[in-house]
C-alpha atoms as a PDB file:
ATOM      1  CA  ILE A   1      -0.133   0.266   0.074  1.00  0.00           C
ATOM      2  CA  VAL A   2       2.974   2.410   0.809  1.00  0.00           C
ATOM      3  CA  GLU A   3       4.322   1.544  -2.397  1.00  0.00           C
ATOM      4  CA  VAL A   4       1.441   2.502  -3.956  1.00  0.00           C
ATOM      5  CA  LEU A   5       0.449   5.735  -2.951  1.00  0.00           C
ATOM      6  CA  ALA A   6       4.158   6.449  -2.465  1.00  0.00           C
ATOM      7  CA  ALA A   7       4.426   6.104  -6.592  1.00  0.00           C
ATOM      8  CA  ARG A   8       1.570   8.722  -7.310  1.00  0.00           C
ATOM      9  CA  GLY A   9       3.603  10.905  -4.861  1.00  0.00           C
ATOM     10  CA  SER A  10       1.241  11.122  -1.919  1.00  0.00           C
ATOM     11  CA  HIS A  11       1.934  12.176   1.708  1.00  0.00           C
ATOM     12  CA  VAL A  12      -0.150   9.983   3.676  1.00  0.00           C
ATOM     13  CA  VAL A  13      -0.892  10.022   7.066  1.00  0.00           C
ATOM     14  CA  THR A  14      -1.768   7.831   9.757  1.00  0.00           C
ATOM     15  CA  PRO A  15      -2.872   4.493   8.096  1.00  0.00           C
ATOM     16  CA  GLU A  16      -4.929   2.014  10.268  1.00  0.00           C
ATOM     17  CA  PHE A  17      -6.877  -0.684   9.549  1.00  0.00           C
ATOM     18  CA  GLY A  18     -10.529  -0.245   9.347  1.00  0.00           C
ATOM     19  CA  SER A  19     -13.337  -1.920   8.190  1.00  0.00           C
ATOM     20  CA  ASP A  20     -14.097  -4.315   5.664  1.00  0.00           C
ATOM     21  CA  GLY A  21     -10.245  -5.003   6.058  1.00  0.00           C
ATOM     22  CA  ARG A  22      -9.566  -1.678   4.438  1.00  0.00           C
ATOM     23  CA  ILE A  23      -6.778   0.671   4.990  1.00  0.00           C
ATOM     24  CA  PHE A  24      -8.040   3.813   5.646  1.00  0.00           C
ATOM     25  CA  PHE A  25      -6.193   7.275   6.321  1.00  0.00           C
ATOM     26  CA  VAL A  26      -5.115  11.177   5.360  1.00  0.00           C
ATOM     27  CA  GLU A  27      -3.572  11.853   2.538  1.00  0.00           C
ATOM     28  CA  ALA A  28      -2.701  15.494   1.149  1.00  0.00           C
ATOM     29  CA  GLY A  29      -4.274  17.331  -0.715  1.00  0.00           C
ATOM     30  CA  GLU A  30      -7.484  14.150  -1.156  1.00  0.00           C
ATOM     31  CA  GLY A  31      -9.162  14.132   1.872  1.00  0.00           C
ATOM     32  CA  PHE A  32      -9.726  10.726   3.402  1.00  0.00           C
ATOM     33  CA  ARG A  33      -9.613   7.756   1.664  1.00  0.00           C
ATOM     34  CA  SER A  34      -9.125   4.213   2.113  1.00  0.00           C
ATOM     35  CA  ILE A  35      -7.834   1.478   0.277  1.00  0.00           C
ATOM     36  CA  LYS A  36      -7.929  -2.572  -0.116  1.00  0.00           C
ATOM     37  CA  LEU A  37      -5.058  -4.186   1.210  1.00  0.00           C
ATOM     38  CA  ASP A  38      -4.042  -5.182  -2.324  1.00  0.00           C
ATOM     39  CA  GLY A  39      -4.222  -1.750  -3.021  1.00  0.00           C
ATOM     40  CA  THR A  40      -6.947  -1.653  -5.219  1.00  0.00           C
ATOM     41  CA  ASP A  41     -10.511   0.279  -4.922  1.00  0.00           C
ATOM     42  CA  THR A  42      -9.382   3.122  -3.356  1.00  0.00           C
ATOM     43  CA  ARG A  43     -12.461   5.973  -1.735  1.00  0.00           C
ATOM     44  CA  THR A  44     -12.117   9.256  -0.867  1.00  0.00           C
ATOM     45  CA  HIS A  45     -14.811   9.744   1.932  1.00  0.00           C
ATOM     46  CA  ALA A  46     -14.265  12.781   2.594  1.00  0.00           C
ATOM     47  CA  VAL A  47     -12.464  15.590   1.768  1.00  0.00           C
ATOM     48  CA  ILE A  48     -12.748  17.461   5.707  1.00  0.00           C
ATOM     49  CA  GLU A  49     -11.445  21.696   4.996  1.00  0.00           C
ATOM     50  CA  ALA A  50      -8.006  22.236   7.250  1.00  0.00           C
ATOM     51  CA  SER A  51      -7.455  18.889   9.224  1.00  0.00           C
ATOM     52  CA  ASP A  52      -4.698  16.236   8.921  1.00  0.00           C
ATOM     53  CA  GLU A  53      -5.730  13.976  10.926  1.00  0.00           C
ATOM     54  CA  ALA A  54      -9.018  11.455  11.350  1.00  0.00           C
ATOM     55  CA  THR A  55      -9.689   8.188  12.264  1.00  0.00           C
ATOM     56  CA  ALA A  56     -13.133   5.827  10.989  1.00  0.00           C
ATOM     57  CA  SER A  57     -14.347   4.433  13.377  1.00  0.00           C
ATOM     58  CA  PRO A  58     -14.478   0.411  13.433  1.00  0.00           C
ATOM     59  CA  ASP A  59     -17.789  -0.256  12.867  1.00  0.00           C
ATOM     60  CA  GLY A  60     -17.578   2.448   9.971  1.00  0.00           C
ATOM     61  CA  ARG A  61     -19.992   4.319  10.982  1.00  0.00           C
ATOM     62  CA  TRP A  62     -18.129   7.378  11.712  1.00  0.00           C
ATOM     63  CA  ILE A  63     -15.044   9.643  11.068  1.00  0.00           C
ATOM     64  CA  ALA A  64     -13.710  11.677  13.729  1.00  0.00           C
ATOM     65  CA  PHE A  65     -11.385  14.317  13.065  1.00  0.00           C
ATOM     66  CA  SER A  66      -8.733  17.556  14.264  1.00  0.00           C
ATOM     67  CA  ARG A  67      -9.200  20.619  12.948  1.00  0.00           C
ATOM     68  CA  GLY A  68      -7.804  23.945  14.571  1.00  0.00           C
ATOM     69  CA  ASP A  69      -6.676  21.689  17.369  1.00  0.00           C
ATOM     70  CA  ASN A  70      -9.698  20.195  18.599  1.00  0.00           C
ATOM     71  CA  ILE A  71     -11.772  17.051  17.704  1.00  0.00           C
ATOM     72  CA  TYR A  72     -14.497  16.992  15.613  1.00  0.00           C
ATOM     73  CA  LEU A  73     -17.640  13.564  14.706  1.00  0.00           C
ATOM     74  CA  THR A  74     -19.100  13.118  11.649  1.00  0.00           C
ATOM     75  CA  PRO A  75     -21.091  10.685   9.772  1.00  0.00           C
ATOM     76  CA  MET A  76     -19.628   8.185   6.903  1.00  0.00           C
ATOM     77  CA  ASN A  77     -19.268   8.655   3.785  1.00  0.00           C
ATOM     78  CA  TRP A  78     -19.821   5.658   1.721  1.00  0.00           C
ATOM     79  CA  PRO A  79     -19.645   6.422  -1.636  1.00  0.00           C
ATOM     80  CA  GLY A  80     -22.326   4.624  -3.990  1.00  0.00           C
ATOM     81  CA  ALA A  81     -22.212   4.869  -7.682  1.00  0.00           C
ATOM     82  CA  SER A  82     -21.914   8.548  -8.051  1.00  0.00           C
ATOM     83  CA  GLY A  83     -18.430   8.071  -5.389  1.00  0.00           C
ATOM     84  CA  ASP A  84     -18.808  11.200  -4.950  1.00  0.00           C
ATOM     85  CA  PRO A  85     -17.391  11.984  -1.129  1.00  0.00           C
ATOM     86  CA  ILE A  86     -18.676  14.964   0.879  1.00  0.00           C
ATOM     87  CA  GLU A  87     -17.243  17.839   1.528  1.00  0.00           C
ATOM     88  CA  VAL A  88     -16.676  18.465   5.693  1.00  0.00           C
ATOM     89  CA  SER A  89     -16.758  21.926   7.210  1.00  0.00           C
ATOM     90  CA  VAL A  90     -17.040  22.779  10.791  1.00  0.00           C
ATOM     91  CA  GLU A  91     -19.301  25.664   9.280  1.00  0.00           C
ATOM     92  CA  SER A  92     -21.373  24.105   7.345  1.00  0.00           C
ATOM     93  CA  ALA A  93     -21.776  20.580   6.096  1.00  0.00           C
ATOM     94  CA  PRO A  94     -24.164  18.501   4.004  1.00  0.00           C
ATOM     95  CA  TRP A  95     -24.818  16.222   7.370  1.00  0.00           C
ATOM     96  CA  PRO A  96     -24.003  17.069  11.305  1.00  0.00           C
ATOM     97  CA  VAL A  97     -20.660  17.764  12.568  1.00  0.00           C
ATOM     98  CA  THR A  98     -20.533  17.035  16.238  1.00  0.00           C
ATOM     99  CA  PRO A  99     -17.587  19.641  17.706  1.00  0.00           C
ATOM    100  CA  LEU A 100     -16.477  16.685  20.371  1.00  0.00           C
ATOM    101  CA  SER A 101     -14.118  19.384  22.194  1.00  0.00           C
ATOM    102  CA  GLN A 102     -12.942  23.275  22.646  1.00  0.00           C
ATOM    103  CA  ASP A 103     -10.077  23.430  24.129  1.00  0.00           C
ATOM    104  CA  GLY A 104      -7.788  21.435  22.279  1.00  0.00           C
ATOM    105  CA  GLY A 105      -7.678  17.925  20.927  1.00  0.00           C
ATOM    106  CA  ASN A 106      -5.317  15.842  19.430  1.00  0.00           C
ATOM    107  CA  PHE A 107      -4.360  11.905  17.710  1.00  0.00           C
ATOM    108  CA  PRO A 108      -8.444  10.608  18.170  1.00  0.00           C
ATOM    109  CA  ASN A 109      -8.424   7.026  18.349  1.00  0.00           C
ATOM    110  CA  TRP A 110     -11.455   4.254  18.432  1.00  0.00           C
ATOM    111  CA  SER A 111     -10.553   2.274  21.407  1.00  0.00           C
ATOM    112  CA  GLY A 112     -14.162   0.273  20.194  1.00  0.00           C
ATOM    113  CA  ALA A 113     -16.650   0.529  17.236  1.00  0.00           C
ATOM    114  CA  GLY A 114     -18.461   3.861  19.594  1.00  0.00           C
ATOM    115  CA  ILE A 115     -15.472   4.624  22.028  1.00  0.00           C
ATOM    116  CA  LEU A 116     -13.016   7.628  20.805  1.00  0.00           C
ATOM    117  CA  GLU A 117     -10.814   8.605  22.643  1.00  0.00           C
ATOM    118  CA  TRP A 118      -7.713  11.829  22.409  1.00  0.00           C
ATOM    119  CA  GLY A 119      -5.440  14.280  24.702  1.00  0.00           C
ATOM    120  CA  SER A 120      -5.382  17.168  24.706  1.00  0.00           C
ATOM    121  CA  ALA A 121      -2.050  18.519  26.862  1.00  0.00           C
ATOM    122  CA  ASN A 122      -2.404  16.483  29.709  1.00  0.00           C
ATOM    123  CA  VAL A 123      -6.014  15.988  29.730  1.00  0.00           C
ATOM    124  CA  TYR A 124      -6.994  12.415  28.298  1.00  0.00           C
ATOM    125  CA  PHE A 125     -10.787  12.245  27.119  1.00  0.00           C
ATOM    126  CA  ARG A 126     -13.257   9.750  26.157  1.00  0.00           C
ATOM    127  CA  HIS A 127     -16.338   9.864  24.224  1.00  0.00           C
ATOM    128  CA  ASP A 128     -18.656   7.556  24.145  1.00  0.00           C
ATOM    129  CA  VAL A 129     -20.861   8.260  21.119  1.00  0.00           C
ATOM    130  CA  ASP A 130     -24.261   6.362  21.408  1.00  0.00           C
ATOM    131  CA  THR A 131     -24.750   8.736  24.994  1.00  0.00           C
ATOM    132  CA  GLY A 132     -23.163  11.315  23.857  1.00  0.00           C
ATOM    133  CA  LYS A 133     -20.775  11.541  26.725  1.00  0.00           C
ATOM    134  CA  THR A 134     -17.842  12.648  27.455  1.00  0.00           C
ATOM    135  CA  ASP A 135     -15.698  11.507  30.872  1.00  0.00           C
ATOM    136  CA  THR A 136     -12.085  13.743  31.261  1.00  0.00           C
ATOM    137  CA  VAL A 137      -9.296  12.434  33.045  1.00  0.00           C
ATOM    138  CA  GLU A 138      -6.564  14.525  34.525  1.00  0.00           C
ATOM    139  CA  VAL A 139      -3.144  12.876  33.938  1.00  0.00           C
ATOM    140  CA  GLN A 140      -0.303  14.574  36.763  1.00  0.00           C
ATOM    141  CA  LEU A 141       3.112  13.051  36.142  1.00  0.00           C
ATOM    142  CA  GLU A 142       6.013  13.777  37.895  1.00  0.00           C
ATOM    143  CA  VAL A 143       9.160  12.156  37.034  1.00  0.00           C
ATOM    144  CA  PRO A 144      12.143  12.451  38.883  1.00  0.00           C
ATOM    145  CA  ARG A 145      15.406  13.863  36.817  1.00  0.00           C
ATOM    146  CA  ARG A 146      18.704  14.253  38.007  1.00  0.00           C
ATOM    147  CA  MET A 147      19.862  18.265  38.108  1.00  0.00           C
ATOM    148  CA  ALA A 148      23.668  19.355  37.209  1.00  0.00           C
ATOM    149  CA  GLN A 149      25.655  21.131  39.667  1.00  0.00           C
ATOM    150  CA  GLY A 150      27.928  23.122  40.036  1.00  0.00           C
ATOM    151  CA  ALA A 151      28.863  26.419  36.925  1.00  0.00           C
ATOM    152  CA  ILE A 152      29.712  27.109  33.736  1.00  0.00           C
ATOM    153  CA  ALA A 153      31.521  30.496  32.348  1.00  0.00           C
ATOM    154  CA  LEU A 154      30.369  30.799  29.074  1.00  0.00           C
ATOM    155  CA  THR A 155      33.356  33.720  27.787  1.00  0.00           C
ATOM    156  CA  GLY A 156      34.083  35.768  24.958  1.00  0.00           C
ATOM    157  CA  ALA A 157      29.912  35.548  24.245  1.00  0.00           C
ATOM    158  CA  ARG A 158      28.466  38.002  22.006  1.00  0.00           C
ATOM    159  CA  ILE A 159      25.372  38.924  24.557  1.00  0.00           C
ATOM    160  CA  VAL A 160      22.157  40.794  23.199  1.00  0.00           C
ATOM    161  CA  THR A 161      20.765  42.128  26.473  1.00  0.00           C
ATOM    162  CA  MET A 162      16.690  43.448  26.740  1.00  0.00           C
ATOM    163  CA  ASN A 163      18.358  46.731  27.530  1.00  0.00           C
ATOM    164  CA  GLY A 164      17.308  48.576  23.464  1.00  0.00           C
ATOM    165  CA  ASP A 165      19.518  47.504  21.791  1.00  0.00           C
ATOM    166  CA  ARG A 166      23.576  46.957  23.718  1.00  0.00           C
ATOM    167  CA  VAL A 167      25.029  43.912  22.779  1.00  0.00           C
ATOM    168  CA  ILE A 168      27.783  43.748  24.237  1.00  0.00           C
ATOM    169  CA  GLU A 169      30.522  41.896  21.890  1.00  0.00           C
ATOM    170  CA  ARG A 170      32.728  40.724  24.650  1.00  0.00           C
ATOM    171  CA  GLY A 171      31.360  39.286  27.774  1.00  0.00           C
ATOM    172  CA  ASP A 172      31.199  36.132  29.833  1.00  0.00           C
ATOM    173  CA  ILE A 173      28.346  34.285  30.947  1.00  0.00           C
ATOM    174  CA  VAL A 174      28.316  32.923  34.268  1.00  0.00           C
ATOM    175  CA  ILE A 175      25.505  29.983  34.688  1.00  0.00           C
ATOM    176  CA  ARG A 176      25.252  28.782  38.249  1.00  0.00           C
ATOM    177  CA  ASP A 177      22.527  25.909  39.853  1.00  0.00           C
END
């Protein structure tokens, strides 16, 4: 699959296995697409405005995507005889686009047919598509690390100060723990 897409000069983002044994991916300039394992039957499901991250639910009913660092959900389009993909825009779309976050969201991922997960900074989100309920967990993580001790001198440095346009052409900087 990678060879087929690379031969077309495509930039593919986050390919993943989906329903019907297809591989789903975002292809730069083309949209949210799928392809059979043998490299045939490429389908464009949606052209999502200003998004480079999208994922299909395992049951093929939903597309979750990020735009402006927020997560959105829309029903999946399976192109019929016409093969026309839907144009998805947060402002206007042929069917509902549901915002799931307003304060950021990245890396949407399905943990089940109706459970979407994503993260933003130190917050983990879990959205149940059937109930519409989103649970959040704030992650607190502290890891001990070694700190440098002592002092170091940077000599002969050109120092650009925060005092207007003042520059010290040859100066020394001493850094202490």
